[in-house]
Amino acid sequence: STQSTWGYQEMKEEDLTRVAIVNADRCRPKKCHLECKKACPVNKTGKNCIEVENTSKISFISEHLCIGCGLCLKRCPFHALSLIHISEPTRPLYISYAVFCLKKKNTN
């Protein structure tokens, strides 16, 4: 399911998983009505895919529970969420990298 081009592995779209990530600079859970959490279909089943505590500065999205539907993105009034495509075996590595890049990009 991968093709080698110039020594790099190219993933086909069906080999990739979509997952939502939070932009820490834009997320304002104390100023919204937690629309992302309310819209999440995984949360509606009783699982905690998107969690926000009273003391939270940003929403937490579980990369293991996120199904990549994008409903949270559409409901966030601060546009603090993004979907990224990652390969399943490297999912935790890419999530950490993506969050780091968003923080780094916004500090420059």
Protein backbone atom coordinates (compact mmCIF):
# COMPACT_ATOMS: atom_id res chain seq x y z
CA SER A 1 0.00 0.00 0.00
CA THR A 2 3.00 2.30 -0.21
CA GLN A 3 5.04 3.34 -3.21
CA SER A 4 8.69 4.23 -3.08
CA THR A 5 9.66 7.49 -4.79
CA TRP A 6 13.22 8.77 -4.46
CA GLY A 7 13.67 6.69 -1.32
CA TYR A 8 10.61 8.10 0.45
CA GLN A 9 7.47 6.15 1.22
CA GLU A 10 4.29 7.72 -0.09
CA MET A 11 1.13 6.77 1.73
CA LYS A 12 -2.11 6.35 -0.13
CA GLU A 13 -5.06 8.22 1.38
CA GLU A 14 -6.77 4.98 2.43
CA ASP A 15 -3.66 4.14 4.51
CA LEU A 16 -3.95 7.38 6.47
CA THR A 17 -6.04 8.25 9.50
CA ARG A 18 -7.53 11.67 10.17
CA VAL A 19 -7.33 13.02 13.69
CA ALA A 20 -8.16 16.40 15.22
CA ILE A 21 -5.52 18.48 16.99
CA VAL A 22 -5.83 21.63 19.10
CA ASN A 23 -4.06 24.90 18.40
CA ALA A 24 -3.13 25.97 21.93
CA ASP A 25 -2.92 29.65 20.98
CA ARG A 26 -6.50 29.78 19.70
CA CYS A 27 -8.36 27.46 22.09
CA ARG A 28 -10.38 29.40 24.70
CA PRO A 29 -12.55 26.92 26.63
CA LYS A 30 -13.46 29.52 29.26
CA LYS A 31 -14.87 31.84 26.57
CA CYS A 32 -16.98 29.34 24.63
CA HIS A 33 -19.71 26.87 25.46
CA LEU A 34 -17.46 23.84 24.81
CA GLU A 35 -19.03 23.39 21.40
CA CYS A 36 -16.30 20.95 20.30
CA LYS A 37 -17.02 18.65 23.22
CA LYS A 38 -20.78 18.79 22.67
CA ALA A 39 -20.49 18.11 18.92
CA CYS A 40 -18.18 15.08 19.22
CA PRO A 41 -20.02 11.84 18.32
CA VAL A 42 -17.54 9.79 20.38
CA ASN A 43 -18.32 11.90 23.45
CA LYS A 44 -22.02 11.29 22.82
CA THR A 45 -21.40 7.54 23.24
CA GLY A 46 -20.07 8.17 26.75
CA LYS A 47 -16.35 8.05 25.95
CA ASN A 48 -14.09 11.04 26.65
CA CYS A 49 -12.62 11.87 23.27
CA ILE A 50 -12.64 15.61 23.94
CA GLU A 51 -12.09 16.59 27.55
CA VAL A 52 -12.15 20.03 29.14
CA GLU A 53 -11.83 20.52 32.89
CA ASN A 54 -12.76 23.69 34.78
CA THR A 55 -9.05 24.44 35.18
CA SER A 56 -8.11 23.55 31.56
CA LYS A 57 -6.48 26.19 29.40
CA ILE A 58 -7.15 24.16 26.23
CA SER A 59 -9.28 21.22 25.18
CA PHE A 60 -7.66 17.79 25.18
CA ILE A 61 -8.43 15.46 22.27
CA SER A 62 -7.63 11.78 22.67
CA GLU A 63 -5.81 10.72 19.52
CA HIS A 64 -6.77 7.11 20.26
CA LEU A 65 -10.51 7.87 20.39
CA CYS A 66 -10.76 10.57 17.71
CA ILE A 67 -12.44 9.28 14.55
CA GLY A 68 -11.50 12.31 12.46
CA CYS A 69 -15.08 13.25 11.58
CA GLY A 70 -14.38 17.00 11.74
CA LEU A 71 -17.56 17.98 13.59
CA CYS A 72 -15.56 19.64 16.35
CA LEU A 73 -13.78 21.82 13.78
CA LYS A 74 -17.05 23.08 12.39
CA ARG A 75 -18.40 24.00 15.82
CA CYS A 76 -15.34 25.72 17.33
CA PRO A 77 -15.97 29.50 17.38
CA PHE A 78 -12.23 30.23 17.63
CA HIS A 79 -11.12 27.94 14.77
CA ALA A 80 -8.72 26.26 17.20
CA LEU A 81 -8.97 22.75 15.74
CA SER A 82 -7.39 21.17 12.67
CA LEU A 83 -7.49 17.75 11.06
CA ILE A 84 -4.26 16.07 10.12
CA HIS A 85 -3.65 12.89 8.12
CA ILE A 86 -1.28 10.38 9.67
CA SER A 87 -0.37 6.74 9.16
CA GLU A 88 -1.79 4.46 11.84
CA PRO A 89 1.50 2.85 13.00
CA THR A 90 3.11 6.25 13.62
CA ARG A 91 0.01 7.95 15.01
CA PRO A 92 1.38 9.00 18.46
CA LEU A 93 4.63 10.33 16.98
CA TYR A 94 2.85 12.52 14.41
CA ILE A 95 0.35 13.86 16.95
CA SER A 96 3.15 15.06 19.22
CA TYR A 97 5.01 16.54 16.25
CA ALA A 98 1.93 18.33 14.92
CA VAL A 99 1.13 19.93 18.28
CA PHE A 100 4.77 21.04 18.62
CA CYS A 101 4.72 22.55 15.11
CA LEU A 102 1.52 24.47 15.78
CA LYS A 103 3.02 25.92 18.97
CA LYS A 104 6.32 26.71 17.25
CA LYS A 105 4.65 28.27 14.18
CA ASN A 106 2.50 30.57 16.30
CA THR A 107 5.40 31.81 18.43
CA ASN A 108 7.36 33.14 15.44
